[in-house]
Amino acid sequence: MTVLVPTVRLSQPTDREPLISWFMEGDTLDGFPMQELPEVTDAVKLWMDFVAYLRCGITAEVNGEPCGMAVLYLQYLQKLRHTCLFGIIVREDMRGRGIGALLIQELMEKAKNVFHIEILCLEVYEGNPAQRLYKKMGFTVFGVQNAFLLDAQGNYKQKICMQRPL
């Protein structure tokens, strides 16, 4: 296996198209609430709005090519600014190679040092193998919502809420 030397930079508008394509790869949408391209396009618009206006998204690259992204969904209400939900995705062929861990580590540092976030949160769906990474990175389960997601096969999946103090 080739040794990867990933770098991380602020996300930019040109990351929109790769982001859409990563969501549409293989079974990636099984780990997200979107099911079809119009829903993905709407979710990516929201993601990229946070990137454009608040500079709170990061992109991992290998050899100058984007291979993963993460974003902080910052709260605008003062009472909620200490906590933040985040999103993350890694290109299918780059999974399991440390890109996700690098993105989470960099995002945690940015959340704490730039945006003064105290608690970072995520939502993951039952069966998503990324749960192992989140646990390894120090996230713990604080809630489960049964029958949250109805997948394309007609099966219900739990939404698992995880958090990590920074």
Protein backbone atom coordinates (compact mmCIF):
# COMPACT_ATOMS: atom_id res chain seq x y z
CA MET A 1 0.00 0.00 0.00
CA THR A 2 1.31 3.44 -0.92
CA VAL A 3 2.16 5.73 1.97
CA LEU A 4 -0.20 8.70 2.00
CA VAL A 5 0.88 12.16 3.04
CA PRO A 6 -2.39 14.02 3.46
CA THR A 7 -2.63 17.74 4.04
CA VAL A 8 -5.55 19.74 5.36
CA ARG A 9 -6.70 23.16 4.17
CA LEU A 10 -9.77 25.35 4.52
CA SER A 11 -12.55 24.17 2.26
CA GLN A 12 -13.36 26.31 -0.74
CA PRO A 13 -16.25 26.62 -3.21
CA THR A 14 -14.52 24.32 -5.73
CA ASP A 15 -14.92 21.46 -3.22
CA ARG A 16 -18.66 21.38 -3.90
CA GLU A 17 -18.55 19.01 -6.88
CA PRO A 18 -16.23 16.43 -5.27
CA LEU A 19 -18.43 16.51 -2.16
CA ILE A 20 -21.54 15.70 -4.20
CA SER A 21 -19.73 12.88 -6.00
CA TRP A 22 -18.49 11.35 -2.71
CA PHE A 23 -22.02 11.24 -1.33
CA MET A 24 -23.17 9.44 -4.49
CA GLU A 25 -20.40 6.77 -4.36
CA GLY A 26 -21.31 3.15 -3.68
CA ASP A 27 -23.31 2.73 -0.48
CA THR A 28 -22.20 6.03 1.09
CA LEU A 29 -25.77 7.31 1.36
CA ASP A 30 -26.56 4.40 3.70
CA GLY A 31 -24.74 6.43 6.36
CA PHE A 32 -26.65 9.65 5.73
CA PRO A 33 -30.32 10.66 5.76
CA MET A 34 -30.31 11.65 2.07
CA GLN A 35 -31.45 9.11 -0.50
CA GLU A 36 -31.37 10.80 -3.93
CA LEU A 37 -29.34 13.41 -5.78
CA PRO A 38 -31.74 16.35 -5.14
CA GLU A 39 -31.50 15.69 -1.38
CA VAL A 40 -27.71 15.42 -1.61
CA THR A 41 -27.57 18.69 -3.53
CA ASP A 42 -29.61 20.43 -0.81
CA ALA A 43 -27.41 19.01 1.98
CA VAL A 44 -24.25 20.05 0.12
CA LYS A 45 -25.64 23.57 -0.33
CA LEU A 46 -26.07 23.87 3.45
CA TRP A 47 -22.58 22.41 4.05
CA MET A 48 -21.02 24.81 1.57
CA ASP A 49 -22.92 27.80 3.02
CA PHE A 50 -21.17 27.14 6.35
CA VAL A 51 -17.88 26.86 4.47
CA ALA A 52 -18.38 30.11 2.53
CA TYR A 53 -19.75 32.35 5.25
CA LEU A 54 -18.10 31.06 8.43
CA ARG A 55 -14.89 29.41 7.15
CA CYS A 56 -15.60 26.40 9.32
CA GLY A 57 -14.96 23.60 6.84
CA ILE A 58 -11.76 21.72 6.11
CA THR A 59 -10.67 19.55 3.20
CA ALA A 60 -8.07 16.80 3.20
CA GLU A 61 -5.93 16.39 0.11
CA VAL A 62 -3.47 13.80 -1.10
CA ASN A 63 -1.16 14.91 -3.90
CA GLY A 64 -3.26 18.06 -4.31
CA GLU A 65 -6.49 16.12 -4.85
CA PRO A 66 -9.40 16.44 -2.38
CA CYS A 67 -10.19 13.16 -0.61
CA GLY A 68 -12.28 14.13 2.43
CA MET A 69 -14.11 17.01 4.07
CA ALA A 70 -15.48 17.98 7.45
CA VAL A 71 -17.61 20.93 8.53
CA LEU A 72 -18.72 22.51 11.79
CA TYR A 73 -22.41 23.42 11.89
CA LEU A 74 -21.89 26.42 14.15
CA GLN A 75 -24.74 27.71 16.29
CA TYR A 76 -25.74 31.34 15.90
CA LEU A 77 -27.65 31.50 19.19
CA GLN A 78 -25.46 32.67 22.07
CA LYS A 79 -26.85 30.06 24.50
CA LEU A 80 -25.84 27.25 22.14
CA ARG A 81 -22.46 28.45 20.85
CA HIS A 82 -20.52 26.21 23.23
CA THR A 83 -21.65 23.09 21.38
CA CYS A 84 -21.53 22.15 17.74
CA LEU A 85 -22.60 19.35 15.42
CA PHE A 86 -20.19 18.36 12.66
CA GLY A 87 -20.32 16.46 9.40
CA ILE A 88 -17.58 14.41 7.79
CA ILE A 89 -17.11 12.39 4.62
CA VAL A 90 -14.13 10.61 3.10
CA ARG A 91 -13.90 9.53 -0.52
CA GLU A 92 -14.71 5.83 -0.77
CA ASP A 93 -11.28 4.70 -2.03
CA MET A 94 -9.51 6.61 0.77
CA ARG A 95 -11.42 5.18 3.73
CA GLY A 96 -9.47 3.27 6.34
CA ARG A 97 -6.26 5.17 5.59
CA GLY A 98 -6.28 7.73 8.41
CA ILE A 99 -7.99 10.56 6.48
CA GLY A 100 -11.06 10.56 8.74
CA ALA A 101 -8.94 10.62 11.92
CA LEU A 102 -6.86 13.48 10.52
CA LEU A 103 -9.98 15.47 9.61
CA ILE A 104 -11.53 14.92 13.04
CA GLN A 105 -8.33 15.89 14.85
CA GLU A 106 -7.94 19.07 12.79
CA LEU A 107 -11.63 19.90 13.15
CA MET A 108 -11.47 19.46 16.94
CA GLU A 109 -8.52 21.85 17.12
CA LYS A 110 -10.29 24.42 14.94
CA ALA A 111 -13.51 24.05 16.94
CA LYS A 112 -11.72 24.63 20.24
CA ASN A 113 -9.14 27.24 19.31
CA VAL A 114 -10.93 29.29 16.66
CA PHE A 115 -14.63 28.97 17.51
CA HIS A 116 -14.32 28.24 21.27
CA ILE A 117 -16.51 25.14 21.08
CA GLU A 118 -16.59 23.15 24.32
CA ILE A 119 -18.55 20.08 23.17
CA LEU A 120 -18.38 18.58 19.68
CA CYS A 121 -21.31 16.37 18.63
CA LEU A 122 -22.17 14.05 15.79
CA GLU A 123 -25.02 11.88 14.61
CA VAL A 124 -24.34 8.47 13.12
CA TYR A 125 -26.76 5.83 11.94
CA GLU A 126 -26.92 2.25 13.10
CA GLY A 127 -24.55 0.01 11.18
CA ASN A 128 -22.19 2.78 10.04
CA PRO A 129 -18.64 1.45 10.40
CA ALA A 130 -17.37 4.99 11.17
CA GLN A 131 -18.66 4.49 14.73
CA ARG A 132 -15.38 2.69 15.52
CA LEU A 133 -13.39 5.76 14.46
CA TYR A 134 -15.58 8.09 16.50
CA LYS A 135 -15.11 5.96 19.63
CA LYS A 136 -11.37 5.80 19.00
CA MET A 137 -11.33 9.63 18.77
CA GLY A 138 -12.98 9.89 22.21
CA PHE A 139 -16.65 10.34 21.30
CA THR A 140 -19.21 8.66 23.56
CA VAL A 141 -22.88 7.89 23.05
CA PHE A 142 -25.26 10.23 24.85
CA GLY A 143 -28.51 9.26 23.19
CA VAL A 144 -30.19 6.91 20.76
CA GLN A 145 -33.34 7.53 18.76
CA ASN A 146 -34.97 4.32 17.60
CA ALA A 147 -36.62 4.02 14.19
CA PHE A 148 -35.21 7.38 13.11
CA LEU A 149 -34.18 6.58 9.55
CA LEU A 150 -36.23 4.53 7.09
CA ASP A 151 -33.75 3.19 4.53
CA ALA A 152 -34.39 2.39 0.88
CA GLN A 153 -35.09 -1.27 1.76
CA GLY A 154 -37.84 -0.28 4.21
CA ASN A 155 -35.79 -0.96 7.36
CA TYR A 156 -35.63 1.40 10.30
CA LYS A 157 -32.24 2.42 11.71
CA GLN A 158 -31.33 4.10 14.96
CA LYS A 159 -29.77 7.54 15.11
CA ILE A 160 -26.89 7.43 17.56
CA CYS A 161 -25.88 10.77 19.08
CA MET A 162 -22.26 11.05 20.22
CA GLN A 163 -20.26 13.84 21.81
CA ARG A 164 -16.77 14.71 22.98
CA PRO A 165 -15.72 17.50 25.30
CA LEU A 166 -12.92 19.62 23.91
